[in-house]
Amino acid sequence: MPQDLEPLRELFSKSRESITAIGDETRQAILLTLMAGPAEGMRVGDITEHTHLSQPAVSHHLKILRNANLLSLHKVGTMNFYRLNPDRAEITRLLRLCQGILAAMENCELNEHGRVWSV
C-alpha cells in the first residue's frame, strides 16, 4: 500500500464502529426516523411506533448507535430522548474517510492488469 494511504488506514480503523452501525438497515431506519422527528429527540416508544420494531430491538439498535457516537441521549426527568448527536465529530470523520477514498480512487489508473496506484 502506498505510504500516502496511511491516513486512510487510520480513518478506517477509527471509523469501524460507526461504519458498522450505519451499515445495518434497521439502524438506518432509526436514523431516518430521528432525522424526520423533532429536534429535541424521540423516546423509545415513539421510535418503536414509527419503525414498527419491538421495544427491545429499538433499544438494542439505539445502544449500538450511541456507542458509535452517532446519537445522544437527553434526559428530562425520567424520560429519555434520543437524537442525532449534536457533536458532529463522528460524521465529520466519516466524511473525511469518504473524501480520502474518493481522492485515492482518482489517483488510480487502469492498466491491463486492473487498477494500480499512480506514482
Protein backbone atom coordinates (compact mmCIF):
# COMPACT_ATOMS: atom_id res chain seq x y z
CA MET A 1 0.00 0.00 0.00
CA PRO A 2 1.38 3.41 -0.87
CA GLN A 3 2.63 5.37 2.13
CA ASP A 4 0.26 8.27 1.46
CA LEU A 5 -2.69 5.98 2.22
CA GLU A 6 -1.66 5.56 5.86
CA PRO A 7 -4.04 8.35 6.99
CA LEU A 8 -6.87 6.46 5.28
CA ARG A 9 -5.94 3.27 7.09
CA GLU A 10 -6.13 5.19 10.36
CA LEU A 11 -9.50 6.72 9.44
CA PHE A 12 -10.85 3.27 8.55
CA SER A 13 -9.69 1.94 11.90
CA LYS A 14 -11.22 4.80 13.90
CA SER A 15 -14.47 4.67 11.89
CA ARG A 16 -15.04 0.92 12.04
CA GLU A 17 -17.72 1.08 14.73
CA SER A 18 -19.72 3.84 13.05
CA ILE A 19 -19.43 2.19 9.62
CA THR A 20 -20.84 -1.00 11.12
CA ALA A 21 -23.57 0.98 12.88
CA ILE A 22 -24.83 2.78 9.78
CA GLY A 23 -24.45 -0.30 7.59
CA ASP A 24 -27.43 -2.03 9.17
CA GLU A 25 -30.83 -1.46 7.52
CA THR A 26 -32.69 -1.35 10.83
CA ARG A 27 -30.34 1.27 12.24
CA GLN A 28 -30.69 3.26 9.00
CA ALA A 29 -34.46 3.26 9.56
CA ILE A 30 -33.96 4.51 13.12
CA LEU A 31 -31.58 7.25 11.96
CA LEU A 32 -34.05 8.35 9.27
CA THR A 33 -36.85 8.37 11.84
CA LEU A 34 -34.80 10.57 14.15
CA MET A 35 -33.86 12.88 11.27
CA ALA A 36 -37.55 13.37 10.47
CA GLY A 37 -38.50 13.71 14.13
CA PRO A 38 -38.47 16.70 16.46
CA ALA A 39 -35.17 18.43 17.22
CA GLU A 40 -35.42 17.60 20.92
CA GLY A 41 -35.36 13.90 20.06
CA MET A 42 -37.68 10.94 20.40
CA ARG A 43 -38.43 8.40 23.08
CA VAL A 44 -38.02 4.67 22.51
CA GLY A 45 -41.80 4.21 22.30
CA ASP A 46 -42.08 6.87 19.60
CA ILE A 47 -39.29 5.28 17.58
CA THR A 48 -40.97 1.89 18.02
CA GLU A 49 -44.23 3.27 16.61
CA HIS A 50 -42.55 4.84 13.58
CA THR A 51 -40.31 1.89 12.73
CA HIS A 52 -42.72 -0.94 13.65
CA LEU A 53 -39.92 -2.64 15.57
CA SER A 54 -40.20 -4.15 19.02
CA GLN A 55 -39.08 -2.10 22.01
CA PRO A 56 -36.17 -4.47 22.80
CA ALA A 57 -34.99 -4.28 19.17
CA VAL A 58 -35.13 -0.48 19.14
CA SER A 59 -33.27 -0.29 22.46
CA HIS A 60 -30.60 -2.67 21.16
CA HIS A 61 -30.02 -0.66 17.99
CA LEU A 62 -30.08 2.67 19.85
CA LYS A 63 -27.31 1.37 22.10
CA ILE A 64 -25.17 0.50 19.06
CA LEU A 65 -25.78 3.92 17.50
CA ARG A 66 -24.94 5.66 20.80
CA ASN A 67 -21.76 3.59 21.23
CA ALA A 68 -20.74 4.72 17.73
CA ASN A 69 -21.26 8.35 18.84
CA LEU A 70 -23.98 8.89 16.24
CA LEU A 71 -26.76 9.54 18.76
CA SER A 72 -27.00 11.34 22.04
CA LEU A 73 -29.32 10.78 24.97
CA HIS A 74 -31.11 13.72 26.58
CA LYS A 75 -32.89 13.10 29.89
CA VAL A 76 -35.88 15.11 31.01
CA GLY A 77 -36.92 13.87 34.42
CA THR A 78 -37.47 10.15 33.98
CA MET A 79 -37.87 10.40 30.21
CA ASN A 80 -35.04 9.62 27.78
CA PHE A 81 -34.93 11.35 24.41
CA TYR A 82 -32.66 10.11 21.63
CA ARG A 83 -31.48 12.44 18.90
CA LEU A 84 -28.70 12.78 16.38
CA ASN A 85 -25.50 13.64 18.20
CA PRO A 86 -25.04 17.42 18.03
CA ASP A 87 -21.30 16.76 18.31
CA ARG A 88 -20.66 16.02 14.65
CA ALA A 89 -17.14 14.63 15.17
CA GLU A 90 -18.01 11.08 14.10
CA ILE A 91 -19.91 12.18 10.99
CA THR A 92 -17.05 14.53 10.14
CA ARG A 93 -14.61 11.61 10.43
CA LEU A 94 -16.80 9.50 8.10
CA LEU A 95 -16.94 12.37 5.63
CA ARG A 96 -13.13 12.71 5.71
CA LEU A 97 -12.85 8.95 5.13
CA CYS A 98 -15.16 9.12 2.10
CA GLN A 99 -13.28 12.13 0.73
CA GLY A 100 -10.00 10.25 1.20
CA ILE A 101 -11.36 7.19 -0.61
CA LEU A 102 -12.54 9.38 -3.48
CA ALA A 103 -9.16 11.11 -3.71
CA ALA A 104 -7.36 7.75 -3.67
CA MET A 105 -9.63 6.43 -6.42
CA GLU A 106 -8.87 9.48 -8.53
CA ASN A 107 -5.16 8.69 -8.14
CA CYS A 108 -5.64 5.20 -9.53
CA GLU A 109 -5.07 4.41 -13.16
CA LEU A 110 -6.29 1.45 -15.10
CA ASN A 111 -3.85 -0.82 -16.90
CA GLU A 112 -4.16 -4.24 -18.50
CA HIS A 113 -3.90 -5.93 -15.07
CA GLY A 114 -6.52 -3.77 -13.37
CA ARG A 115 -6.08 -0.82 -11.05
CA VAL A 116 -2.64 0.27 -9.95
CA TRP A 117 -1.58 3.21 -7.86
CA SER A 118 -0.08 6.01 -9.86
CA VAL A 119 3.26 7.26 -8.66
